[in-house]
C-alpha cells in the first residue's frame, strides 16, 4: 500500500504535497495528522504540520473459477510413456534454471557488503584563532531575549575576524535548541541580523548549545551513510526530509567524492530537501 509523510506550514499544505507525490486525489486517500502546526513565540520555536497520506486499498474483484476442460482418458501404458518423455525433456530445463538461480545469488552477494566511506564535514568545528570576549552585540541580544523568555542559561562568545561562535549552557538549553534544532536555527538567524546590521563586511554567526551542532552532524553523517549504501544496493534514489541550509550542507559535504553517489537539493524553502542518487 502506497503512502507519503509530508511536512507543511499547515495541514492542508502538507496534504497537498503528499497528494502531488502520490498523484492521487483526496477521495482516494486517508489522512492522519502526525503533528499539529504551531506558530511559536514571535516565530521562534514554530512547528510545521506533519501528515501521513495513505492510499485507500481497492477491493479485489472475485476471481471466476476456471472452467475445467474435459480430459480424455489415456491408456495406462501411454501415460507412463508420456510421463517418462516429459521428465527427460524437463531435466535440462530444470538444470538450467538451477544454474541461473545460483548465478543470481552470487551476483547479489557483494551488494550486501557495500560500505560507504564518508567525508566528515566538521562544519561546526571551531577555528583555532578564536578569542573569548565579555561584551558583544550578539551576547547582549541573546541574554536579553533569554531573559524575556524566562530561560535559565548562560551565554559565552568567542570571535575572530570573520566569525562569532556563541555557546549556550544551562538547564533550559533544551528549549533553546527546540525540535531538531529549529529554535536554535531561528535564534542564530536573528542574531546574525543584529550583528551584521552595523557591519560593512558580513560576519558569520554560529550559535550552539552544549555541543548540539556536533551531535547533530554525527547523526546526519550516519543517516547519509545508511542511505548511500541503500542507493548503491537498490539503484533507487533517496529523498530526505526537508532540512535547513546548514543541515543540507552537512549531507552534501559528507557524501562529496563517494564513488557512485551524487547529491542535489530540490524544492523551495522551507521544504527544500537533499536527494541522494546514483552518479550517471
C-alpha atoms as a PDB file:
ATOM      1  CA  UNK A   1       0.000   0.000   0.000  1.00  0.00           C
ATOM      2  CA  UNK A   2       1.444   3.370  -1.012  1.00  0.00           C
ATOM      3  CA  UNK A   3       1.750   6.234   1.452  1.00  0.00           C
ATOM      4  CA  UNK A   4       3.585   9.522   1.917  1.00  0.00           C
ATOM      5  CA  UNK A   5       4.551  11.526   5.006  1.00  0.00           C
ATOM      6  CA  UNK A   6       4.979  15.258   4.448  1.00  0.00           C
ATOM      7  CA  UNK A   7       5.712  18.450   6.401  1.00  0.00           C
ATOM      8  CA  UNK A   8       3.984  21.773   5.745  1.00  0.00           C
ATOM      9  CA  UNK A   9       3.270  25.112   7.380  1.00  0.00           C
ATOM     10  CA  UNK A  10      -0.349  23.935   7.604  1.00  0.00           C
ATOM     11  CA  UNK A  11      -2.133  20.572   7.498  1.00  0.00           C
ATOM     12  CA  UNK A  12      -3.694  21.375   4.101  1.00  0.00           C
ATOM     13  CA  UNK A  13      -0.306  22.330   2.638  1.00  0.00           C
ATOM     14  CA  UNK A  14       1.279  19.098   3.855  1.00  0.00           C
ATOM     15  CA  UNK A  15      -1.622  17.027   2.473  1.00  0.00           C
ATOM     16  CA  UNK A  16      -1.336  18.770  -0.905  1.00  0.00           C
ATOM     17  CA  UNK A  17       2.388  17.932  -1.127  1.00  0.00           C
ATOM     18  CA  UNK A  18       1.660  14.279  -0.337  1.00  0.00           C
ATOM     19  CA  UNK A  19      -1.133  14.108  -2.935  1.00  0.00           C
ATOM     20  CA  UNK A  20       1.209  15.562  -5.579  1.00  0.00           C
ATOM     21  CA  UNK A  21       3.823  12.920  -4.810  1.00  0.00           C
ATOM     22  CA  UNK A  22       1.326  10.034  -4.857  1.00  0.00           C
ATOM     23  CA  UNK A  23      -0.543  11.514  -7.862  1.00  0.00           C
ATOM     24  CA  UNK A  24      -3.875  10.892  -6.145  1.00  0.00           C
ATOM     25  CA  UNK A  25      -6.943  12.916  -5.130  1.00  0.00           C
ATOM     26  CA  UNK A  26      -8.373  13.415  -1.642  1.00  0.00           C
ATOM     27  CA  UNK A  27     -11.167  10.866  -2.197  1.00  0.00           C
ATOM     28  CA  UNK A  28      -8.544   8.196  -2.939  1.00  0.00           C
ATOM     29  CA  UNK A  29      -6.625   8.532   0.345  1.00  0.00           C
ATOM     30  CA  UNK A  30      -6.929   8.622   4.126  1.00  0.00           C
ATOM     31  CA  UNK A  31      -5.169  11.408   6.044  1.00  0.00           C
ATOM     32  CA  UNK A  32      -3.604  11.029   9.507  1.00  0.00           C
ATOM     33  CA  UNK A  33      -2.255  14.136  11.274  1.00  0.00           C
ATOM     34  CA  UNK A  34       1.030  13.145  12.965  1.00  0.00           C
ATOM     35  CA  UNK A  35       1.991  16.594  14.287  1.00  0.00           C
ATOM     36  CA  UNK A  36      -0.048  19.759  14.669  1.00  0.00           C
ATOM     37  CA  UNK A  37       1.488  23.072  13.444  1.00  0.00           C
ATOM     38  CA  UNK A  38       2.414  25.796  15.942  1.00  0.00           C
ATOM     39  CA  UNK A  39       3.369  29.455  15.400  1.00  0.00           C
ATOM     40  CA  UNK A  40       5.653  29.572  18.464  1.00  0.00           C
ATOM     41  CA  UNK A  41       6.828  32.688  20.254  1.00  0.00           C
ATOM     42  CA  UNK A  42       7.372  35.533  17.747  1.00  0.00           C
ATOM     43  CA  UNK A  43       8.195  32.873  15.196  1.00  0.00           C
ATOM     44  CA  UNK A  44      10.756  31.195  17.483  1.00  0.00           C
ATOM     45  CA  UNK A  45      10.025  27.560  18.199  1.00  0.00           C
ATOM     46  CA  UNK A  46       7.409  27.324  15.465  1.00  0.00           C
ATOM     47  CA  UNK A  47       6.500  23.819  14.317  1.00  0.00           C
ATOM     48  CA  UNK A  48       5.447  22.503  10.938  1.00  0.00           C
ATOM     49  CA  UNK A  49       2.471  20.222  10.461  1.00  0.00           C
ATOM     50  CA  UNK A  50       3.190  16.587   9.600  1.00  0.00           C
ATOM     51  CA  UNK A  51       0.683  14.255   7.956  1.00  0.00           C
ATOM     52  CA  UNK A  52       0.584  10.683   6.702  1.00  0.00           C
ATOM     53  CA  UNK A  53      -1.432  10.276   3.492  1.00  0.00           C
ATOM     54  CA  UNK A  54      -2.229   6.663   2.636  1.00  0.00           C
ATOM     55  CA  UNK A  55      -3.839   5.265  -0.499  1.00  0.00           C
ATOM     56  CA  UNK A  56      -7.198   3.552   0.118  1.00  0.00           C
ATOM     57  CA  UNK A  57      -6.889  -0.128  -0.620  1.00  0.00           C
ATOM     58  CA  UNK A  58      -9.091  -1.176  -3.517  1.00  0.00           C
ATOM     59  CA  UNK A  59     -11.190  -4.309  -3.085  1.00  0.00           C
ATOM     60  CA  UNK A  60     -10.168  -7.049  -5.451  1.00  0.00           C
ATOM     61  CA  UNK A  61     -12.848  -8.423  -7.729  1.00  0.00           C
ATOM     62  CA  UNK A  62     -13.847 -12.027  -7.022  1.00  0.00           C
ATOM     63  CA  UNK A  63     -11.994 -14.189  -9.441  1.00  0.00           C
ATOM     64  CA  UNK A  64     -14.125 -16.519 -11.500  1.00  0.00           C
ATOM     65  CA  UNK A  65     -13.283 -20.173 -11.203  1.00  0.00           C
ATOM     66  CA  UNK A  66     -11.511 -21.594 -14.223  1.00  0.00           C
ATOM     67  CA  UNK A  67     -13.592 -23.894 -16.369  1.00  0.00           C
ATOM     68  CA  UNK A  68     -12.313 -27.415 -16.142  1.00  0.00           C
ATOM     69  CA  UNK A  69     -11.717 -28.966 -19.505  1.00  0.00           C
ATOM     70  CA  UNK A  70     -12.766 -32.478 -20.133  1.00  0.00           C
ATOM     71  CA  UNK A  71      -9.724 -34.751 -20.077  1.00  0.00           C
ATOM     72  CA  UNK A  72      -9.757 -37.710 -22.325  1.00  0.00           C
ATOM     73  CA  UNK A  73      -8.726 -40.953 -20.755  1.00  0.00           C
ATOM     74  CA  UNK A  74      -5.424 -42.310 -21.954  1.00  0.00           C
ATOM     75  CA  UNK A  75      -4.397 -45.934 -21.805  1.00  0.00           C
ATOM     76  CA  UNK A  76      -2.129 -46.720 -18.834  1.00  0.00           C
ATOM     77  CA  UNK A  77       0.914 -47.656 -20.957  1.00  0.00           C
ATOM     78  CA  UNK A  78       0.666 -44.413 -22.954  1.00  0.00           C
ATOM     79  CA  UNK A  79       0.526 -42.326 -19.737  1.00  0.00           C
ATOM     80  CA  UNK A  80       3.645 -43.965 -18.316  1.00  0.00           C
ATOM     81  CA  UNK A  81       5.493 -43.403 -21.601  1.00  0.00           C
ATOM     82  CA  UNK A  82       4.406 -39.738 -21.787  1.00  0.00           C
ATOM     83  CA  UNK A  83       5.476 -39.180 -18.177  1.00  0.00           C
ATOM     84  CA  UNK A  84       8.951 -40.561 -18.888  1.00  0.00           C
ATOM     85  CA  UNK A  85       9.326 -38.403 -22.026  1.00  0.00           C
ATOM     86  CA  UNK A  86       8.178 -35.277 -20.151  1.00  0.00           C
ATOM     87  CA  UNK A  87      10.721 -35.940 -17.364  1.00  0.00           C
ATOM     88  CA  UNK A  88      13.527 -36.310 -19.897  1.00  0.00           C
ATOM     89  CA  UNK A  89      12.512 -33.074 -21.661  1.00  0.00           C
ATOM     90  CA  UNK A  90      12.251 -31.052 -18.432  1.00  0.00           C
ATOM     91  CA  UNK A  91      15.523 -32.281 -16.895  1.00  0.00           C
ATOM     92  CA  UNK A  92      17.882 -29.958 -18.834  1.00  0.00           C
ATOM     93  CA  UNK A  93      15.468 -27.027 -18.397  1.00  0.00           C
ATOM     94  CA  UNK A  94      15.347 -27.536 -14.622  1.00  0.00           C
ATOM     95  CA  UNK A  95      19.132 -27.853 -14.513  1.00  0.00           C
ATOM     96  CA  UNK A  96      19.437 -24.577 -16.456  1.00  0.00           C
ATOM     97  CA  UNK A  97      17.039 -22.822 -14.076  1.00  0.00           C
ATOM     98  CA  UNK A  98      19.055 -24.086 -11.115  1.00  0.00           C
ATOM     99  CA  UNK A  99      22.280 -22.710 -12.607  1.00  0.00           C
ATOM    100  CA  UNK A 100      20.652 -19.314 -13.310  1.00  0.00           C
ATOM    101  CA  UNK A 101      19.336 -19.216  -9.748  1.00  0.00           C
ATOM    102  CA  UNK A 102      22.836 -19.848  -8.389  1.00  0.00           C
ATOM    103  CA  UNK A 103      24.212 -17.122 -10.652  1.00  0.00           C
ATOM    104  CA  UNK A 104      21.684 -14.620  -9.298  1.00  0.00           C
ATOM    105  CA  UNK A 105      22.631 -15.496  -5.725  1.00  0.00           C
ATOM    106  CA  UNK A 106      26.315 -14.977  -6.477  1.00  0.00           C
ATOM    107  CA  UNK A 107      25.746 -11.643  -8.245  1.00  0.00           C
ATOM    108  CA  UNK A 108      23.623 -10.273  -5.383  1.00  0.00           C
ATOM    109  CA  UNK A 109      26.096 -11.349  -2.714  1.00  0.00           C
ATOM    110  CA  UNK A 110      28.541  -8.380  -2.955  1.00  0.00           C
ATOM    111  CA  UNK A 111      25.701  -5.845  -2.666  1.00  0.00           C
ATOM    112  CA  UNK A 112      25.066  -6.899   0.947  1.00  0.00           C
ATOM    113  CA  UNK A 113      28.652  -5.984   1.799  1.00  0.00           C
ATOM    114  CA  UNK A 114      28.615  -2.453   0.306  1.00  0.00           C
ATOM    115  CA  UNK A 115      30.460   0.027   2.503  1.00  0.00           C
ATOM    116  CA  UNK A 116      30.428   3.783   2.075  1.00  0.00           C
ATOM    117  CA  UNK A 117      33.273   5.833   3.480  1.00  0.00           C
ATOM    118  CA  UNK A 118      32.048   9.369   4.055  1.00  0.00           C
ATOM    119  CA  UNK A 119      33.956  12.595   4.441  1.00  0.00           C
ATOM    120  CA  UNK A 120      33.483  14.025   7.925  1.00  0.00           C
ATOM    121  CA  UNK A 121      32.362  17.596   7.321  1.00  0.00           C
ATOM    122  CA  UNK A 122      33.086  19.040  10.805  1.00  0.00           C
ATOM    123  CA  UNK A 123      31.257  22.207   9.814  1.00  0.00           C
ATOM    124  CA  UNK A 124      30.739  23.196  13.454  1.00  0.00           C
ATOM    125  CA  UNK A 125      34.433  22.745  14.371  1.00  0.00           C
ATOM    126  CA  UNK A 126      35.822  25.944  15.882  1.00  0.00           C
ATOM    127  CA  UNK A 127      38.801  27.795  14.343  1.00  0.00           C
ATOM    128  CA  UNK A 128      41.993  27.870  16.414  1.00  0.00           C
ATOM    129  CA  UNK A 129      42.306  31.695  16.478  1.00  0.00           C
ATOM    130  CA  UNK A 130      39.096  32.429  18.419  1.00  0.00           C
ATOM    131  CA  UNK A 131      39.304  34.772  21.424  1.00  0.00           C
ATOM    132  CA  UNK A 132      36.754  34.948  24.213  1.00  0.00           C
ATOM    133  CA  UNK A 133      35.078  38.339  24.768  1.00  0.00           C
ATOM    134  CA  UNK A 134      32.875  39.532  27.629  1.00  0.00           C
ATOM    135  CA  UNK A 135      30.970  42.169  25.666  1.00  0.00           C
ATOM    136  CA  UNK A 136      29.467  41.721  22.201  1.00  0.00           C
ATOM    137  CA  UNK A 137      26.212  42.739  20.420  1.00  0.00           C
ATOM    138  CA  UNK A 138      25.362  39.045  19.935  1.00  0.00           C
ATOM    139  CA  UNK A 139      25.729  38.310  23.647  1.00  0.00           C
ATOM    140  CA  UNK A 140      23.714  41.372  24.624  1.00  0.00           C
ATOM    141  CA  UNK A 141      20.879  40.452  22.227  1.00  0.00           C
ATOM    142  CA  UNK A 142      20.690  36.804  23.295  1.00  0.00           C
ATOM    143  CA  UNK A 143      20.864  37.487  27.036  1.00  0.00           C
ATOM    144  CA  UNK A 144      18.014  39.978  26.685  1.00  0.00           C
ATOM    145  CA  UNK A 145      15.977  37.501  24.613  1.00  0.00           C
ATOM    146  CA  UNK A 146      16.528  34.622  27.063  1.00  0.00           C
ATOM    147  CA  UNK A 147      15.637  36.889  29.984  1.00  0.00           C
ATOM    148  CA  UNK A 148      12.341  37.840  28.280  1.00  0.00           C
ATOM    149  CA  UNK A 149      11.629  34.143  27.674  1.00  0.00           C
ATOM    150  CA  UNK A 150      12.387  33.305  31.319  1.00  0.00           C
ATOM    151  CA  UNK A 151      15.169  30.831  30.471  1.00  0.00           C
ATOM    152  CA  UNK A 152      17.929  29.911  32.909  1.00  0.00           C
ATOM    153  CA  UNK A 153      21.018  29.814  30.651  1.00  0.00           C
ATOM    154  CA  UNK A 154      24.431  31.460  30.313  1.00  0.00           C
ATOM    155  CA  UNK A 155      25.960  32.828  27.094  1.00  0.00           C
ATOM    156  CA  UNK A 156      29.664  32.868  26.159  1.00  0.00           C
ATOM    157  CA  UNK A 157      31.097  34.406  22.984  1.00  0.00           C
ATOM    158  CA  UNK A 158      34.339  33.787  21.038  1.00  0.00           C
ATOM    159  CA  UNK A 159      35.325  35.801  17.966  1.00  0.00           C
ATOM    160  CA  UNK A 160      37.878  36.192  15.188  1.00  0.00           C
ATOM    161  CA  UNK A 161      37.884  38.495  12.150  1.00  0.00           C
ATOM    162  CA  UNK A 162      35.321  36.506  10.140  1.00  0.00           C
ATOM    163  CA  UNK A 163      33.203  34.633  12.702  1.00  0.00           C
ATOM    164  CA  UNK A 164      31.375  34.742  16.011  1.00  0.00           C
ATOM    165  CA  UNK A 165      30.926  31.478  17.940  1.00  0.00           C
ATOM    166  CA  UNK A 166      28.328  31.512  20.701  1.00  0.00           C
ATOM    167  CA  UNK A 167      27.819  28.754  23.298  1.00  0.00           C
ATOM    168  CA  UNK A 168      24.702  28.479  25.449  1.00  0.00           C
ATOM    169  CA  UNK A 169      24.684  26.386  28.634  1.00  0.00           C
ATOM    170  CA  UNK A 170      22.199  25.800  31.434  1.00  0.00           C
ATOM    171  CA  UNK A 171      19.163  23.760  32.451  1.00  0.00           C
ATOM    172  CA  UNK A 172      16.905  25.327  29.787  1.00  0.00           C
ATOM    173  CA  UNK A 173      19.128  24.543  26.776  1.00  0.00           C
ATOM    174  CA  UNK A 174      16.523  22.044  25.530  1.00  0.00           C
ATOM    175  CA  UNK A 175      14.120  24.942  24.984  1.00  0.00           C
ATOM    176  CA  UNK A 176      16.858  26.940  23.234  1.00  0.00           C
ATOM    177  CA  UNK A 177      17.536  24.018  20.854  1.00  0.00           C
ATOM    178  CA  UNK A 178      13.914  23.136  20.078  1.00  0.00           C
ATOM    179  CA  UNK A 179      12.736  20.270  17.890  1.00  0.00           C
ATOM    180  CA  UNK A 180      15.562  19.151  15.581  1.00  0.00           C
ATOM    181  CA  UNK A 181      17.328  22.461  16.324  1.00  0.00           C
ATOM    182  CA  UNK A 182      14.606  24.663  14.814  1.00  0.00           C
ATOM    183  CA  UNK A 183      14.625  27.205  17.676  1.00  0.00           C
ATOM    184  CA  UNK A 184      18.439  27.268  17.710  1.00  0.00           C
ATOM    185  CA  UNK A 185      18.474  27.984  13.961  1.00  0.00           C
ATOM    186  CA  UNK A 186      15.877  30.758  14.348  1.00  0.00           C
ATOM    187  CA  UNK A 187      17.880  32.409  17.145  1.00  0.00           C
ATOM    188  CA  UNK A 188      21.078  32.115  15.085  1.00  0.00           C
ATOM    189  CA  UNK A 189      19.358  33.852  12.147  1.00  0.00           C
ATOM    190  CA  UNK A 190      18.044  36.681  14.331  1.00  0.00           C
ATOM    191  CA  UNK A 191      21.455  37.112  15.980  1.00  0.00           C
ATOM    192  CA  UNK A 192      23.092  37.307  12.545  1.00  0.00           C
ATOM    193  CA  UNK A 193      20.688  40.103  11.550  1.00  0.00           C
ATOM    194  CA  UNK A 194      21.504  42.040  14.725  1.00  0.00           C
ATOM    195  CA  UNK A 195      25.310  41.664  14.391  1.00  0.00           C
ATOM    196  CA  UNK A 196      25.524  42.364  10.648  1.00  0.00           C
ATOM    197  CA  UNK A 197      23.183  45.342  10.811  1.00  0.00           C
ATOM    198  CA  UNK A 198      26.051  47.716  11.605  1.00  0.00           C
ATOM    199  CA  UNK A 199      28.907  45.839   9.871  1.00  0.00           C
ATOM    200  CA  UNK A 200      30.399  46.669   6.468  1.00  0.00           C
ATOM    201  CA  UNK A 201      31.557  43.081   5.881  1.00  0.00           C
ATOM    202  CA  UNK A 202      29.470  40.007   6.644  1.00  0.00           C
ATOM    203  CA  UNK A 203      30.232  38.284   9.961  1.00  0.00           C
ATOM    204  CA  UNK A 204      29.389  34.579  10.206  1.00  0.00           C
ATOM    205  CA  UNK A 205      27.377  33.647  13.317  1.00  0.00           C
ATOM    206  CA  UNK A 206      27.449  30.129  14.796  1.00  0.00           C
ATOM    207  CA  UNK A 207      25.109  29.542  17.735  1.00  0.00           C
ATOM    208  CA  UNK A 208      25.472  26.268  19.652  1.00  0.00           C
ATOM    209  CA  UNK A 209      24.003  24.805  22.838  1.00  0.00           C
ATOM    210  CA  UNK A 210      26.021  22.256  24.828  1.00  0.00           C
ATOM    211  CA  UNK A 211      27.576  20.654  21.724  1.00  0.00           C
ATOM    212  CA  UNK A 212      24.281  20.126  19.877  1.00  0.00           C
ATOM    213  CA  UNK A 213      25.754  21.042  16.465  1.00  0.00           C
ATOM    214  CA  UNK A 214      28.461  18.341  16.618  1.00  0.00           C
ATOM    215  CA  UNK A 215      25.944  15.711  17.790  1.00  0.00           C
ATOM    216  CA  UNK A 216      23.518  16.656  15.025  1.00  0.00           C
ATOM    217  CA  UNK A 217      26.290  16.497  12.414  1.00  0.00           C
ATOM    218  CA  UNK A 218      27.205  12.976  13.572  1.00  0.00           C
ATOM    219  CA  UNK A 219      23.549  11.928  13.312  1.00  0.00           C
ATOM    220  CA  UNK A 220      23.246  13.366   9.792  1.00  0.00           C
ATOM    221  CA  UNK A 221      26.504  11.722   8.680  1.00  0.00           C
ATOM    222  CA  UNK A 222      25.275   8.321   9.909  1.00  0.00           C
ATOM    223  CA  UNK A 223      21.987   8.899   8.077  1.00  0.00           C
ATOM    224  CA  UNK A 224      23.865   9.829   4.883  1.00  0.00           C
ATOM    225  CA  UNK A 225      25.964   6.644   5.139  1.00  0.00           C
ATOM    226  CA  UNK A 226      22.951   4.354   5.528  1.00  0.00           C
ATOM    227  CA  UNK A 227      21.023   5.977   2.682  1.00  0.00           C
ATOM    228  CA  UNK A 228      24.035   5.992   0.337  1.00  0.00           C
ATOM    229  CA  UNK A 229      24.513   2.254   0.955  1.00  0.00           C
ATOM    230  CA  UNK A 230      20.828   1.692   0.223  1.00  0.00           C
ATOM    231  CA  UNK A 231      21.029   3.700  -3.028  1.00  0.00           C
ATOM    232  CA  UNK A 232      24.082   1.715  -4.188  1.00  0.00           C
ATOM    233  CA  UNK A 233      22.360  -1.558  -3.322  1.00  0.00           C
ATOM    234  CA  UNK A 234      18.927  -0.888  -4.831  1.00  0.00           C
ATOM    235  CA  UNK A 235      19.728   1.697  -7.507  1.00  0.00           C
ATOM    236  CA  UNK A 236      16.796   3.825  -6.287  1.00  0.00           C
ATOM    237  CA  UNK A 237      17.198   7.479  -5.247  1.00  0.00           C
ATOM    238  CA  UNK A 238      16.626   8.503  -1.617  1.00  0.00           C
ATOM    239  CA  UNK A 239      14.832  11.741  -0.677  1.00  0.00           C
ATOM    240  CA  UNK A 240      15.466  13.116   2.801  1.00  0.00           C
ATOM    241  CA  UNK A 241      13.011  15.150   4.845  1.00  0.00           C
ATOM    242  CA  UNK A 242      13.118  18.964   4.451  1.00  0.00           C
ATOM    243  CA  UNK A 243      16.205  20.477   6.096  1.00  0.00           C
ATOM    244  CA  UNK A 244      17.679  23.919   6.656  1.00  0.00           C
ATOM    245  CA  UNK A 245      20.702  25.033   4.547  1.00  0.00           C
ATOM    246  CA  UNK A 246      23.187  24.141   7.325  1.00  0.00           C
ATOM    247  CA  UNK A 247      21.974  20.518   7.589  1.00  0.00           C
ATOM    248  CA  UNK A 248      21.790  20.104   3.814  1.00  0.00           C
ATOM    249  CA  UNK A 249      25.395  21.270   3.630  1.00  0.00           C
ATOM    250  CA  UNK A 250      26.401  18.544   6.119  1.00  0.00           C
ATOM    251  CA  UNK A 251      24.818  15.862   3.893  1.00  0.00           C
ATOM    252  CA  UNK A 252      26.387  17.251   0.701  1.00  0.00           C
ATOM    253  CA  UNK A 253      29.833  17.584   2.312  1.00  0.00           C
ATOM    254  CA  UNK A 254      29.815  14.139   3.932  1.00  0.00           C
ATOM    255  CA  UNK A 255      28.976  12.348   0.648  1.00  0.00           C
ATOM    256  CA  UNK A 256      31.177  14.507  -1.584  1.00  0.00           C
ATOM    257  CA  UNK A 257      33.582  12.252  -3.500  1.00  0.00           C
ATOM    258  CA  UNK A 258      31.881   8.958  -2.575  1.00  0.00           C
ATOM    259  CA  UNK A 259      32.206   6.579  -5.541  1.00  0.00           C
ATOM    260  CA  UNK A 260      28.979   6.078  -7.471  1.00  0.00           C
ATOM    261  CA  UNK A 261      26.987   8.609  -5.428  1.00  0.00           C
ATOM    262  CA  UNK A 262      25.896  12.185  -6.124  1.00  0.00           C
ATOM    263  CA  UNK A 263      23.687  14.579  -4.151  1.00  0.00           C
ATOM    264  CA  UNK A 264      21.481  17.515  -5.089  1.00  0.00           C
ATOM    265  CA  UNK A 265      18.872  19.756  -3.458  1.00  0.00           C
ATOM    266  CA  UNK A 266      15.307  20.171  -4.718  1.00  0.00           C
ATOM    267  CA  UNK A 267      12.209  22.166  -3.735  1.00  0.00           C
ATOM    268  CA  UNK A 268      11.704  25.618  -2.244  1.00  0.00           C
ATOM    269  CA  UNK A 269      12.318  26.805   1.312  1.00  0.00           C
ATOM    270  CA  UNK A 270      11.272  25.771   3.887  1.00  0.00           C
ATOM    271  CA  UNK A 271      10.610  22.421   2.173  1.00  0.00           C
ATOM    272  CA  UNK A 272      13.956  22.161   0.342  1.00  0.00           C
ATOM    273  CA  UNK A 273      15.485  18.700   0.721  1.00  0.00           C
ATOM    274  CA  UNK A 274      18.531  16.635  -0.297  1.00  0.00           C
ATOM    275  CA  UNK A 275      18.265  13.843  -2.868  1.00  0.00           C
ATOM    276  CA  UNK A 276      20.894  11.054  -2.867  1.00  0.00           C
ATOM    277  CA  UNK A 277      21.159   9.171  -6.161  1.00  0.00           C
ATOM    278  CA  UNK A 278      23.454   7.100  -8.353  1.00  0.00           C
ATOM    279  CA  UNK A 279      26.041   9.041 -10.315  1.00  0.00           C
ATOM    280  CA  UNK A 280      25.290   8.800 -14.048  1.00  0.00           C
END
